[in-house]
Amino acid sequence: MPFVLPEQPAEADLVAKYFKVLADATRVRVLELLDEHGELTVGELVRRLEQPQPKVSNHLACLRWCGFVARERRHPNVFYRVADDRALELLAVARAVLGDNAEHVASCQRLDDGGC
């Protein structure tokens, strides 16, 4: 289901939509790989993620549009890197908070059912 913003979105609406970008494990993994390696091509990400190229490209487009990653063309390749290290800091904080709540998050059926 798409995340639809109100006509006049409040800051809370925009923050919620921002977190939707991180609500996908593949996109989080892309950011982790780029953090680990500095920069990677789509082909390298496809191999490391073991996912089809169109799917990886779609995730990269989302991450790029929302300012998480940047790209640089160096013929014949396009290299992706993390655009803002604060996104990595955000993931680090999420991991720290998760460390205290992992069991609850893993067993939360309300998230699985879309009830949260």
PDB file of N, CA and C in Angstrom:
ATOM      1  N   MET A   1       0.844  -1.173   0.000  1.00  0.00           N
ATOM      2  CA  MET A   1       0.000   0.000   0.000  1.00  0.00           C
ATOM      3  C   MET A   1       0.895   1.244   0.000  1.00  0.00           C
ATOM      4  N   PRO A   2       0.671   2.163  -0.915  1.00  0.00           N
ATOM      5  CA  PRO A   2       1.514   3.365  -0.966  1.00  0.00           C
ATOM      6  C   PRO A   2       1.251   4.270   0.231  1.00  0.00           C
ATOM      7  N   PHE A   3       2.288   4.986   0.607  1.00  0.00           N
ATOM      8  CA  PHE A   3       2.199   5.945   1.705  1.00  0.00           C
ATOM      9  C   PHE A   3       1.787   7.267   1.098  1.00  0.00           C
ATOM     10  N   VAL A   4       0.565   7.683   1.350  1.00  0.00           N
ATOM     11  CA  VAL A   4       0.034   8.902   0.755  1.00  0.00           C
ATOM     12  C   VAL A   4       0.070  10.015   1.788  1.00  0.00           C
ATOM     13  N   LEU A   5       0.695  11.107   1.422  1.00  0.00           N
ATOM     14  CA  LEU A   5       0.762  12.260   2.314  1.00  0.00           C
ATOM     15  C   LEU A   5      -0.486  13.120   2.154  1.00  0.00           C
ATOM     16  N   PRO A   6      -0.877  13.796   3.225  1.00  0.00           N
ATOM     17  CA  PRO A   6      -1.977  14.756   3.092  1.00  0.00           C
ATOM     18  C   PRO A   6      -1.571  15.900   2.162  1.00  0.00           C
ATOM     19  N   GLU A   7      -2.545  16.654   1.703  1.00  0.00           N
ATOM     20  CA  GLU A   7      -2.257  17.766   0.795  1.00  0.00           C
ATOM     21  C   GLU A   7      -1.281  18.760   1.412  1.00  0.00           C
ATOM     22  N   GLN A   8      -1.423  19.027   2.684  1.00  0.00           N
ATOM     23  CA  GLN A   8      -0.521  19.918   3.429  1.00  0.00           C
ATOM     24  C   GLN A   8       0.181  19.074   4.494  1.00  0.00           C
ATOM     25  N   PRO A   9       1.230  18.321   4.126  1.00  0.00           N
ATOM     26  CA  PRO A   9       1.843  17.403   5.099  1.00  0.00           C
ATOM     27  C   PRO A   9       2.506  18.145   6.260  1.00  0.00           C
ATOM     28  N   ALA A  10       2.277  17.618   7.442  1.00  0.00           N
ATOM     29  CA  ALA A  10       2.959  18.116   8.627  1.00  0.00           C
ATOM     30  C   ALA A  10       4.344  17.480   8.681  1.00  0.00           C
ATOM     31  N   GLU A  11       5.211  18.045   9.497  1.00  0.00           N
ATOM     32  CA  GLU A  11       6.557  17.495   9.622  1.00  0.00           C
ATOM     33  C   GLU A  11       6.511  16.029  10.047  1.00  0.00           C
ATOM     34  N   ALA A  12       5.586  15.677  10.931  1.00  0.00           N
ATOM     35  CA  ALA A  12       5.462  14.277  11.373  1.00  0.00           C
ATOM     36  C   ALA A  12       5.142  13.356  10.196  1.00  0.00           C
ATOM     37  N   ASP A  13       4.326  13.834   9.249  1.00  0.00           N
ATOM     38  CA  ASP A  13       4.003  13.041   8.056  1.00  0.00           C
ATOM     39  C   ASP A  13       5.262  12.782   7.225  1.00  0.00           C
ATOM     40  N   LEU A  14       6.080  13.813   7.075  1.00  0.00           N
ATOM     41  CA  LEU A  14       7.311  13.677   6.287  1.00  0.00           C
ATOM     42  C   LEU A  14       8.321  12.777   6.980  1.00  0.00           C
ATOM     43  N   VAL A  15       8.438  12.896   8.296  1.00  0.00           N
ATOM     44  CA  VAL A  15       9.351  12.023   9.045  1.00  0.00           C
ATOM     45  C   VAL A  15       8.899  10.571   8.920  1.00  0.00           C
ATOM     46  N   ALA A  16       7.601  10.335   9.027  1.00  0.00           N
ATOM     47  CA  ALA A  16       7.080   8.965   8.888  1.00  0.00           C
ATOM     48  C   ALA A  16       7.398   8.412   7.506  1.00  0.00           C
ATOM     49  N   LYS A  17       7.244   9.237   6.485  1.00  0.00           N
ATOM     50  CA  LYS A  17       7.546   8.777   5.127  1.00  0.00           C
ATOM     51  C   LYS A  17       9.047   8.526   4.969  1.00  0.00           C
ATOM     52  N   TYR A  18       9.863   9.358   5.584  1.00  0.00           N
ATOM     53  CA  TYR A  18      11.315   9.166   5.551  1.00  0.00           C
ATOM     54  C   TYR A  18      11.681   7.796   6.123  1.00  0.00           C
ATOM     55  N   PHE A  19      11.050   7.437   7.224  1.00  0.00           N
ATOM     56  CA  PHE A  19      11.339   6.138   7.833  1.00  0.00           C
ATOM     57  C   PHE A  19      10.827   4.977   6.987  1.00  0.00           C
ATOM     58  N   LYS A  20       9.844   5.218   6.127  1.00  0.00           N
ATOM     59  CA  LYS A  20       9.377   4.168   5.221  1.00  0.00           C
ATOM     60  C   LYS A  20      10.503   3.706   4.299  1.00  0.00           C
ATOM     61  N   VAL A  21      11.413   4.614   3.962  1.00  0.00           N
ATOM     62  CA  VAL A  21      12.559   4.246   3.127  1.00  0.00           C
ATOM     63  C   VAL A  21      13.376   3.169   3.837  1.00  0.00           C
ATOM     64  N   LEU A  22      13.516   3.289   5.143  1.00  0.00           N
ATOM     65  CA  LEU A  22      14.303   2.343   5.920  1.00  0.00           C
ATOM     66  C   LEU A  22      13.498   1.116   6.348  1.00  0.00           C
ATOM     67  N   ALA A  23      12.237   1.058   5.969  1.00  0.00           N
ATOM     68  CA  ALA A  23      11.374  -0.050   6.366  1.00  0.00           C
ATOM     69  C   ALA A  23      11.507  -1.248   5.432  1.00  0.00           C
ATOM     70  N   ASP A  24      12.548  -1.271   4.634  1.00  0.00           N
ATOM     71  CA  ASP A  24      12.779  -2.375   3.714  1.00  0.00           C
ATOM     72  C   ASP A  24      14.174  -2.940   3.972  1.00  0.00           C
ATOM     73  N   ALA A  25      14.247  -4.230   4.238  1.00  0.00           N
ATOM     74  CA  ALA A  25      15.526  -4.865   4.581  1.00  0.00           C
ATOM     75  C   ALA A  25      16.554  -4.746   3.460  1.00  0.00           C
ATOM     76  N   THR A  26      16.121  -4.811   2.209  1.00  0.00           N
ATOM     77  CA  THR A  26      17.072  -4.696   1.099  1.00  0.00           C
ATOM     78  C   THR A  26      17.705  -3.309   1.081  1.00  0.00           C
ATOM     79  N   ARG A  27      16.899  -2.278   1.289  1.00  0.00           N
ATOM     80  CA  ARG A  27      17.452  -0.919   1.289  1.00  0.00           C
ATOM     81  C   ARG A  27      18.410  -0.721   2.462  1.00  0.00           C
ATOM     82  N   VAL A  28      18.082  -1.276   3.611  1.00  0.00           N
ATOM     83  CA  VAL A  28      18.994  -1.193   4.757  1.00  0.00           C
ATOM     84  C   VAL A  28      20.285  -1.919   4.425  1.00  0.00           C
ATOM     85  N   ARG A  29      20.186  -3.068   3.810  1.00  0.00           N
ATOM     86  CA  ARG A  29      21.377  -3.842   3.444  1.00  0.00           C
ATOM     87  C   ARG A  29      22.225  -3.082   2.417  1.00  0.00           C
ATOM     88  N   VAL A  30      21.588  -2.396   1.465  1.00  0.00           N
ATOM     89  CA  VAL A  30      22.329  -1.579   0.499  1.00  0.00           C
ATOM     90  C   VAL A  30      23.160  -0.538   1.242  1.00  0.00           C
ATOM     91  N   LEU A  31      22.533   0.151   2.180  1.00  0.00           N
ATOM     92  CA  LEU A  31      23.258   1.167   2.950  1.00  0.00           C
ATOM     93  C   LEU A  31      24.407   0.548   3.734  1.00  0.00           C
ATOM     94  N   GLU A  32      24.182  -0.623   4.314  1.00  0.00           N
ATOM     95  CA  GLU A  32      25.255  -1.306   5.052  1.00  0.00           C
ATOM     96  C   GLU A  32      26.416  -1.663   4.131  1.00  0.00           C
ATOM     97  N   LEU A  33      26.107  -2.173   2.947  1.00  0.00           N
ATOM     98  CA  LEU A  33      27.163  -2.537   1.997  1.00  0.00           C
ATOM     99  C   LEU A  33      27.940  -1.313   1.535  1.00  0.00           C
ATOM    100  N   LEU A  34      27.229  -0.227   1.267  1.00  0.00           N
ATOM    101  CA  LEU A  34      27.918   0.989   0.849  1.00  0.00           C
ATOM    102  C   LEU A  34      28.758   1.555   1.988  1.00  0.00           C
ATOM    103  N   ASP A  35      28.290   1.434   3.204  1.00  0.00           N
ATOM    104  CA  ASP A  35      29.074   1.869   4.357  1.00  0.00           C
ATOM    105  C   ASP A  35      30.342   1.032   4.470  1.00  0.00           C
ATOM    106  N   GLU A  36      30.203  -0.253   4.269  1.00  0.00           N
ATOM    107  CA  GLU A  36      31.333  -1.188   4.386  1.00  0.00           C
ATOM    108  C   GLU A  36      32.365  -1.007   3.271  1.00  0.00           C
ATOM    109  N   HIS A  37      31.892  -0.754   2.050  1.00  0.00           N
ATOM    110  CA  HIS A  37      32.790  -0.738   0.887  1.00  0.00           C
ATOM    111  C   HIS A  37      33.067   0.653   0.323  1.00  0.00           C
ATOM    112  N   GLY A  38      32.379   1.654   0.817  1.00  0.00           N
ATOM    113  CA  GLY A  38      32.592   3.012   0.323  1.00  0.00           C
ATOM    114  C   GLY A  38      31.744   3.330  -0.887  1.00  0.00           C
ATOM    115  N   GLU A  39      31.909   2.562  -1.938  1.00  0.00           N
ATOM    116  CA  GLU A  39      31.086   2.725  -3.134  1.00  0.00           C
ATOM    117  C   GLU A  39      31.066   1.404  -3.887  1.00  0.00           C
ATOM    118  N   LEU A  40      29.944   1.167  -4.555  1.00  0.00           N
ATOM    119  CA  LEU A  40      29.763  -0.056  -5.328  1.00  0.00           C
ATOM    120  C   LEU A  40      28.940   0.251  -6.570  1.00  0.00           C
ATOM    121  N   THR A  41      29.115  -0.563  -7.590  1.00  0.00           N
ATOM    122  CA  THR A  41      28.280  -0.463  -8.787  1.00  0.00           C
ATOM    123  C   THR A  41      27.011  -1.281  -8.568  1.00  0.00           C
ATOM    124  N   VAL A  42      26.044  -1.096  -9.456  1.00  0.00           N
ATOM    125  CA  VAL A  42      24.816  -1.887  -9.381  1.00  0.00           C
ATOM    126  C   VAL A  42      25.153  -3.372  -9.476  1.00  0.00           C
ATOM    127  N   GLY A  43      26.045  -3.715 -10.401  1.00  0.00           N
ATOM    128  CA  GLY A  43      26.429  -5.124 -10.572  1.00  0.00           C
ATOM    129  C   GLY A  43      27.024  -5.713  -9.307  1.00  0.00           C
ATOM    130  N   GLU A  44      27.862  -4.946  -8.636  1.00  0.00           N
ATOM    131  CA  GLU A  44      28.446  -5.433  -7.384  1.00  0.00           C
ATOM    132  C   GLU A  44      27.369  -5.596  -6.311  1.00  0.00           C
ATOM    133  N   LEU A  45      26.435  -4.671  -6.259  1.00  0.00           N
ATOM    134  CA  LEU A  45      25.349  -4.791  -5.287  1.00  0.00           C
ATOM    135  C   LEU A  45      24.460  -5.994  -5.604  1.00  0.00           C
ATOM    136  N   VAL A  46      24.186  -6.221  -6.885  1.00  0.00           N
ATOM    137  CA  VAL A  46      23.383  -7.375  -7.295  1.00  0.00           C
ATOM    138  C   VAL A  46      24.038  -8.664  -6.817  1.00  0.00           C
ATOM    139  N   ARG A  47      25.338  -8.790  -7.034  1.00  0.00           N
ATOM    140  CA  ARG A  47      26.056  -9.995  -6.619  1.00  0.00           C
ATOM    141  C   ARG A  47      26.032 -10.162  -5.095  1.00  0.00           C
ATOM    142  N   ARG A  48      26.279  -9.087  -4.374  1.00  0.00           N
ATOM    143  CA  ARG A  48      26.341  -9.180  -2.909  1.00  0.00           C
ATOM    144  C   ARG A  48      24.959  -9.415  -2.287  1.00  0.00           C
ATOM    145  N   LEU A  49      23.934  -8.825  -2.878  1.00  0.00           N
ATOM    146  CA  LEU A  49      22.578  -8.977  -2.340  1.00  0.00           C
ATOM    147  C   LEU A  49      21.895 -10.246  -2.837  1.00  0.00           C
ATOM    148  N   GLU A  50      22.429 -10.810  -3.928  1.00  0.00           N
ATOM    149  CA  GLU A  50      21.844 -11.991  -4.564  1.00  0.00           C
ATOM    150  C   GLU A  50      20.374 -11.745  -4.910  1.00  0.00           C
ATOM    151  N   GLN A  51      20.138 -10.588  -5.536  1.00  0.00           N
ATOM    152  CA  GLN A  51      18.796 -10.214  -5.970  1.00  0.00           C
ATOM    153  C   GLN A  51      18.878  -9.766  -7.421  1.00  0.00           C
ATOM    154  N   PRO A  52      17.767  -9.809  -8.138  1.00  0.00           N
ATOM    155  CA  PRO A  52      17.776  -9.414  -9.550  1.00  0.00           C
ATOM    156  C   PRO A  52      18.122  -7.939  -9.726  1.00  0.00           C
ATOM    157  N   GLN A  53      18.793  -7.636 -10.822  1.00  0.00           N
ATOM    158  CA  GLN A  53      19.234  -6.272 -11.098  1.00  0.00           C
ATOM    159  C   GLN A  53      18.086  -5.270 -11.104  1.00  0.00           C
ATOM    160  N   PRO A  54      16.930  -5.573 -11.717  1.00  0.00           N
ATOM    161  CA  PRO A  54      15.847  -4.578 -11.693  1.00  0.00           C
ATOM    162  C   PRO A  54      15.384  -4.236 -10.273  1.00  0.00           C
ATOM    163  N   LYS A  55      15.357  -5.234  -9.406  1.00  0.00           N
ATOM    164  CA  LYS A  55      14.936  -4.996  -8.020  1.00  0.00           C
ATOM    165  C   LYS A  55      15.953  -4.110  -7.294  1.00  0.00           C
ATOM    166  N   VAL A  56      17.221  -4.402  -7.468  1.00  0.00           N
ATOM    167  CA  VAL A  56      18.273  -3.601  -6.828  1.00  0.00           C
ATOM    168  C   VAL A  56      18.236  -2.173  -7.365  1.00  0.00           C
ATOM    169  N   SER A  57      18.081  -2.034  -8.680  1.00  0.00           N
ATOM    170  CA  SER A  57      18.010  -0.702  -9.282  1.00  0.00           C
ATOM    171  C   SER A  57      16.821   0.090  -8.748  1.00  0.00           C
ATOM    172  N   ASN A  58      15.694  -0.588  -8.542  1.00  0.00           N
ATOM    173  CA  ASN A  58      14.513   0.077  -7.997  1.00  0.00           C
ATOM    174  C   ASN A  58      14.781   0.583  -6.574  1.00  0.00           C
ATOM    175  N   HIS A  59      15.437  -0.233  -5.763  1.00  0.00           N
ATOM    176  CA  HIS A  59      15.779   0.188  -4.403  1.00  0.00           C
ATOM    177  C   HIS A  59      16.773   1.348  -4.424  1.00  0.00           C
ATOM    178  N   LEU A  60      17.735   1.286  -5.324  1.00  0.00           N
ATOM    179  CA  LEU A  60      18.696   2.390  -5.439  1.00  0.00           C
ATOM    180  C   LEU A  60      18.004   3.687  -5.858  1.00  0.00           C
ATOM    181  N   ALA A  61      17.043   3.575  -6.752  1.00  0.00           N
ATOM    182  CA  ALA A  61      16.306   4.766  -7.179  1.00  0.00           C
ATOM    183  C   ALA A  61      15.561   5.393  -6.006  1.00  0.00           C
ATOM    184  N   CYS A  62      14.954   4.567  -5.189  1.00  0.00           N
ATOM    185  CA  CYS A  62      14.252   5.062  -3.999  1.00  0.00           C
ATOM    186  C   CYS A  62      15.236   5.739  -3.050  1.00  0.00           C
ATOM    187  N   LEU A  63      16.340   5.062  -2.778  1.00  0.00           N
ATOM    188  CA  LEU A  63      17.352   5.618  -1.866  1.00  0.00           C
ATOM    189  C   LEU A  63      17.932   6.918  -2.409  1.00  0.00           C
ATOM    190  N   ARG A  64      18.125   6.971  -3.701  1.00  0.00           N
ATOM    191  CA  ARG A  64      18.689   8.184  -4.317  1.00  0.00           C
ATOM    192  C   ARG A  64      17.686   9.333  -4.276  1.00  0.00           C
ATOM    193  N   TRP A  65      16.452   9.058  -4.634  1.00  0.00           N
ATOM    194  CA  TRP A  65      15.415  10.087  -4.662  1.00  0.00           C
ATOM    195  C   TRP A  65      15.253  10.732  -3.289  1.00  0.00           C
ATOM    196  N   CYS A  66      15.355   9.934  -2.235  1.00  0.00           N
ATOM    197  CA  CYS A  66      15.124  10.423  -0.867  1.00  0.00           C
ATOM    198  C   CYS A  66      16.408  10.899  -0.187  1.00  0.00           C
ATOM    199  N   GLY A  67      17.519  10.928  -0.924  1.00  0.00           N
ATOM    200  CA  GLY A  67      18.752  11.522  -0.420  1.00  0.00           C
ATOM    201  C   GLY A  67      19.645  10.625   0.404  1.00  0.00           C
ATOM    202  N   PHE A  68      19.407   9.317   0.374  1.00  0.00           N
ATOM    203  CA  PHE A  68      20.236   8.393   1.135  1.00  0.00           C
ATOM    204  C   PHE A  68      21.524   8.027   0.399  1.00  0.00           C
ATOM    205  N   VAL A  69      21.448   7.921  -0.926  1.00  0.00           N
ATOM    206  CA  VAL A  69      22.626   7.578  -1.715  1.00  0.00           C
ATOM    207  C   VAL A  69      22.821   8.589  -2.843  1.00  0.00           C
ATOM    208  N   ALA A  70      24.042   8.672  -3.300  1.00  0.00           N
ATOM    209  CA  ALA A  70      24.398   9.497  -4.459  1.00  0.00           C
ATOM    210  C   ALA A  70      25.070   8.579  -5.466  1.00  0.00           C
ATOM    211  N   ARG A  71      25.083   9.008  -6.703  1.00  0.00           N
ATOM    212  CA  ARG A  71      25.739   8.198  -7.737  1.00  0.00           C
ATOM    213  C   ARG A  71      26.688   9.070  -8.532  1.00  0.00           C
ATOM    214  N   GLU A  72      27.680   8.391  -9.093  1.00  0.00           N
ATOM    215  CA  GLU A  72      28.650   9.080  -9.939  1.00  0.00           C
ATOM    216  C   GLU A  72      28.956   8.185 -11.125  1.00  0.00           C
ATOM    217  N   ARG A  73      28.794   8.734 -12.304  1.00  0.00           N
ATOM    218  CA  ARG A  73      29.078   7.963 -13.525  1.00  0.00           C
ATOM    219  C   ARG A  73      30.555   8.083 -13.847  1.00  0.00           C
ATOM    220  N   ARG A  74      31.202   6.944 -13.940  1.00  0.00           N
ATOM    221  CA  ARG A  74      32.575   6.849 -14.424  1.00  0.00           C
ATOM    222  C   ARG A  74      32.552   5.790 -15.513  1.00  0.00           C
ATOM    223  N   HIS A  75      32.461   6.283 -16.731  1.00  0.00           N
ATOM    224  CA  HIS A  75      32.223   5.417 -17.877  1.00  0.00           C
ATOM    225  C   HIS A  75      33.069   4.165 -17.814  1.00  0.00           C
ATOM    226  N   PRO A  76      32.500   2.995 -17.958  1.00  0.00           N
ATOM    227  CA  PRO A  76      31.122   2.676 -18.305  1.00  0.00           C
ATOM    228  C   PRO A  76      30.243   2.388 -17.080  1.00  0.00           C
ATOM    229  N   ASN A  77      30.734   2.612 -15.882  1.00  0.00           N
ATOM    230  CA  ASN A  77      30.004   2.234 -14.673  1.00  0.00           C
ATOM    231  C   ASN A  77      29.411   3.433 -13.946  1.00  0.00           C
ATOM    232  N   VAL A  78      28.412   3.132 -13.142  1.00  0.00           N
ATOM    233  CA  VAL A  78      27.840   4.110 -12.219  1.00  0.00           C
ATOM    234  C   VAL A  78      28.111   3.585 -10.820  1.00  0.00           C
ATOM    235  N   PHE A  79      28.736   4.414 -10.011  1.00  0.00           N
ATOM    236  CA  PHE A  79      29.075   4.036  -8.643  1.00  0.00           C
ATOM    237  C   PHE A  79      28.123   4.714  -7.669  1.00  0.00           C
ATOM    238  N   TYR A  80      27.691   3.955  -6.674  1.00  0.00           N
ATOM    239  CA  TYR A  80      26.805   4.471  -5.637  1.00  0.00           C
ATOM    240  C   TYR A  80      27.569   4.544  -4.322  1.00  0.00           C
ATOM    241  N   ARG A  81      27.235   5.572  -3.536  1.00  0.00           N
ATOM    242  CA  ARG A  81      27.830   5.752  -2.214  1.00  0.00           C
ATOM    243  C   ARG A  81      26.766   6.359  -1.307  1.00  0.00           C
ATOM    244  N   VAL A  82      26.995   6.284  -0.006  1.00  0.00           N
ATOM    245  CA  VAL A  82      26.091   6.914   0.947  1.00  0.00           C
ATOM    246  C   VAL A  82      26.217   8.425   0.784  1.00  0.00           C
ATOM    247  N   ALA A  83      25.093   9.106   0.653  1.00  0.00           N
ATOM    248  CA  ALA A  83      25.101  10.544   0.396  1.00  0.00           C
ATOM    249  C   ALA A  83      25.243  11.366   1.673  1.00  0.00           C
ATOM    250  N   ASP A  84      24.769  10.821   2.776  1.00  0.00           N
ATOM    251  CA  ASP A  84      24.765  11.578   4.025  1.00  0.00           C
ATOM    252  C   ASP A  84      25.042  10.607   5.166  1.00  0.00           C
ATOM    253  N   ASP A  85      26.169  10.783   5.827  1.00  0.00           N
ATOM    254  CA  ASP A  85      26.551   9.868   6.905  1.00  0.00           C
ATOM    255  C   ASP A  85      25.565   9.862   8.063  1.00  0.00           C
ATOM    256  N   ARG A  86      24.710  10.876   8.149  1.00  0.00           N
ATOM    257  CA  ARG A  86      23.704  10.879   9.216  1.00  0.00           C
ATOM    258  C   ARG A  86      22.729   9.718   9.061  1.00  0.00           C
ATOM    259  N   ALA A  87      22.513   9.247   7.822  1.00  0.00           N
ATOM    260  CA  ALA A  87      21.657   8.085   7.613  1.00  0.00           C
ATOM    261  C   ALA A  87      22.279   6.851   8.269  1.00  0.00           C
ATOM    262  N   LEU A  88      23.607   6.748   8.202  1.00  0.00           N
ATOM    263  CA  LEU A  88      24.302   5.637   8.851  1.00  0.00           C
ATOM    264  C   LEU A  88      24.227   5.771  10.371  1.00  0.00           C
ATOM    265  N   GLU A  89      24.306   7.002  10.855  1.00  0.00           N
ATOM    266  CA  GLU A  89      24.159   7.241  12.296  1.00  0.00           C
ATOM    267  C   GLU A  89      22.762   6.836  12.754  1.00  0.00           C
ATOM    268  N   LEU A  90      21.773   7.129  11.933  1.00  0.00           N
ATOM    269  CA  LEU A  90      20.398   6.747  12.237  1.00  0.00           C
ATOM    270  C   LEU A  90      20.258   5.232  12.340  1.00  0.00           C
ATOM    271  N   LEU A  91      20.897   4.520  11.424  1.00  0.00           N
ATOM    272  CA  LEU A  91      20.873   3.054  11.484  1.00  0.00           C
ATOM    273  C   LEU A  91      21.587   2.547  12.734  1.00  0.00           C
ATOM    274  N   ALA A  92      22.671   3.200  13.123  1.00  0.00           N
ATOM    275  CA  ALA A  92      23.392   2.798  14.326  1.00  0.00           C
ATOM    276  C   ALA A  92      22.522   2.989  15.567  1.00  0.00           C
ATOM    277  N   VAL A  93      21.810   4.086  15.632  1.00  0.00           N
ATOM    278  CA  VAL A  93      20.901   4.321  16.761  1.00  0.00           C
ATOM    279  C   VAL A  93      19.792   3.272  16.754  1.00  0.00           C
ATOM    280  N   ALA A  94      19.248   2.965  15.583  1.00  0.00           N
ATOM    281  CA  ALA A  94      18.200   1.949  15.475  1.00  0.00           C
ATOM    282  C   ALA A  94      18.706   0.601  15.979  1.00  0.00           C
ATOM    283  N   ARG A  95      19.935   0.236  15.609  1.00  0.00           N
ATOM    284  CA  ARG A  95      20.508  -1.030  16.086  1.00  0.00           C
ATOM    285  C   ARG A  95      20.665  -1.027  17.610  1.00  0.00           C
ATOM    286  N   ALA A  96      21.079   0.100  18.171  1.00  0.00           N
ATOM    287  CA  ALA A  96      21.255   0.202  19.622  1.00  0.00           C
ATOM    288  C   ALA A  96      19.916   0.047  20.339  1.00  0.00           C
ATOM    289  N   VAL A  97      18.902   0.718  19.844  1.00  0.00           N
ATOM    290  CA  VAL A  97      17.573   0.609  20.446  1.00  0.00           C
ATOM    291  C   VAL A  97      17.033  -0.805  20.249  1.00  0.00           C
ATOM    292  N   LEU A  98      17.243  -1.365  19.072  1.00  0.00           N
ATOM    293  CA  LEU A  98      16.794  -2.729  18.796  1.00  0.00           C
ATOM    294  C   LEU A  98      17.441  -3.719  19.747  1.00  0.00           C
ATOM    295  N   GLY A  99      18.693  -3.472  20.095  1.00  0.00           N
ATOM    296  CA  GLY A  99      19.387  -4.377  21.011  1.00  0.00           C
ATOM    297  C   GLY A  99      18.638  -4.590  22.309  1.00  0.00           C
ATOM    298  N   ASP A 100      17.927  -3.582  22.757  1.00  0.00           N
ATOM    299  CA  ASP A 100      17.153  -3.689  23.989  1.00  0.00           C
ATOM    300  C   ASP A 100      15.741  -4.204  23.753  1.00  0.00           C
ATOM    301  N   ASN A 101      15.323  -4.257  22.486  1.00  0.00           N
ATOM    302  CA  ASN A 101      13.939  -4.610  22.177  1.00  0.00           C
ATOM    303  C   ASN A 101      13.799  -5.675  21.091  1.00  0.00           C
ATOM    304  N   ALA A 102      14.874  -6.338  20.736  1.00  0.00           N
ATOM    305  CA  ALA A 102      14.855  -7.267  19.594  1.00  0.00           C
ATOM    306  C   ALA A 102      13.804  -8.364  19.747  1.00  0.00           C
ATOM    307  N   GLU A 103      13.680  -8.913  20.930  1.00  0.00           N
ATOM    308  CA  GLU A 103      12.717  -9.993  21.137  1.00  0.00           C
ATOM    309  C   GLU A 103      11.291  -9.503  20.897  1.00  0.00           C
ATOM    310  N   HIS A 104      10.993  -8.309  21.366  1.00  0.00           N
ATOM    311  CA  HIS A 104       9.650  -7.748  21.182  1.00  0.00           C
ATOM    312  C   HIS A 104       9.382  -7.436  19.713  1.00  0.00           C
ATOM    313  N   VAL A 105      10.367  -6.862  19.040  1.00  0.00           N
ATOM    314  CA  VAL A 105      10.198  -6.528  17.621  1.00  0.00           C
ATOM    315  C   VAL A 105      10.008  -7.809  16.808  1.00  0.00           C
ATOM    316  N   ALA A 106      10.817  -8.824  17.093  1.00  0.00           N
ATOM    317  CA  ALA A 106      10.729 -10.083  16.346  1.00  0.00           C
ATOM    318  C   ALA A 106       9.366 -10.751  16.513  1.00  0.00           C
ATOM    319  N   SER A 107       8.764 -10.611  17.680  1.00  0.00           N
ATOM    320  CA  SER A 107       7.496 -11.299  17.934  1.00  0.00           C
ATOM    321  C   SER A 107       6.269 -10.414  17.710  1.00  0.00           C
ATOM    322  N   CYS A 108       6.453  -9.172  17.283  1.00  0.00           N
ATOM    323  CA  CYS A 108       5.327  -8.245  17.106  1.00  0.00           C
ATOM    324  C   CYS A 108       4.496  -8.640  15.891  1.00  0.00           C
ATOM    325  N   GLN A 109       3.302  -9.136  16.144  1.00  0.00           N
ATOM    326  CA  GLN A 109       2.409  -9.517  15.054  1.00  0.00           C
ATOM    327  C   GLN A 109       1.639  -8.323  14.514  1.00  0.00           C
ATOM    328  N   ARG A 110       1.534  -7.258  15.281  1.00  0.00           N
ATOM    329  CA  ARG A 110       0.807  -6.076  14.808  1.00  0.00           C
ATOM    330  C   ARG A 110       1.515  -5.468  13.592  1.00  0.00           C
ATOM    331  N   LEU A 111       2.855  -5.473  13.595  1.00  0.00           N
ATOM    332  CA  LEU A 111       3.590  -4.970  12.438  1.00  0.00           C
ATOM    333  C   LEU A 111       3.378  -5.871  11.227  1.00  0.00           C
ATOM    334  N   ASP A 112       3.402  -7.192  11.456  1.00  0.00           N
ATOM    335  CA  ASP A 112       3.220  -8.145  10.369  1.00  0.00           C
ATOM    336  C   ASP A 112       1.839  -8.014   9.726  1.00  0.00           C
ATOM    337  N   ASP A 113       0.831  -7.699  10.533  1.00  0.00           N
ATOM    338  CA  ASP A 113      -0.551  -7.607  10.043  1.00  0.00           C
ATOM    339  C   ASP A 113      -0.896  -6.220   9.504  1.00  0.00           C
ATOM    340  N   GLY A 114       0.064  -5.308   9.576  1.00  0.00           N
ATOM    341  CA  GLY A 114      -0.200  -3.938   9.137  1.00  0.00           C
ATOM    342  C   GLY A 114      -1.023  -3.154  10.144  1.00  0.00           C
ATOM    343  N   GLY A 115      -1.183  -3.685  11.360  1.00  0.00           N
ATOM    344  CA  GLY A 115      -2.001  -3.028  12.369  1.00  0.00           C
ATOM    345  C   GLY A 115      -1.288  -1.974  13.154  1.00  0.00           C
ATOM    346  N   CYS A 116      -0.040  -1.797  12.895  1.00  0.00           N
ATOM    347  CA  CYS A 116       0.748  -0.805  13.641  1.00  0.00           C
ATOM    348  C   CYS A 116       1.099   0.351  12.745  1.00  0.00           C
TER     349      CYS A 116
END
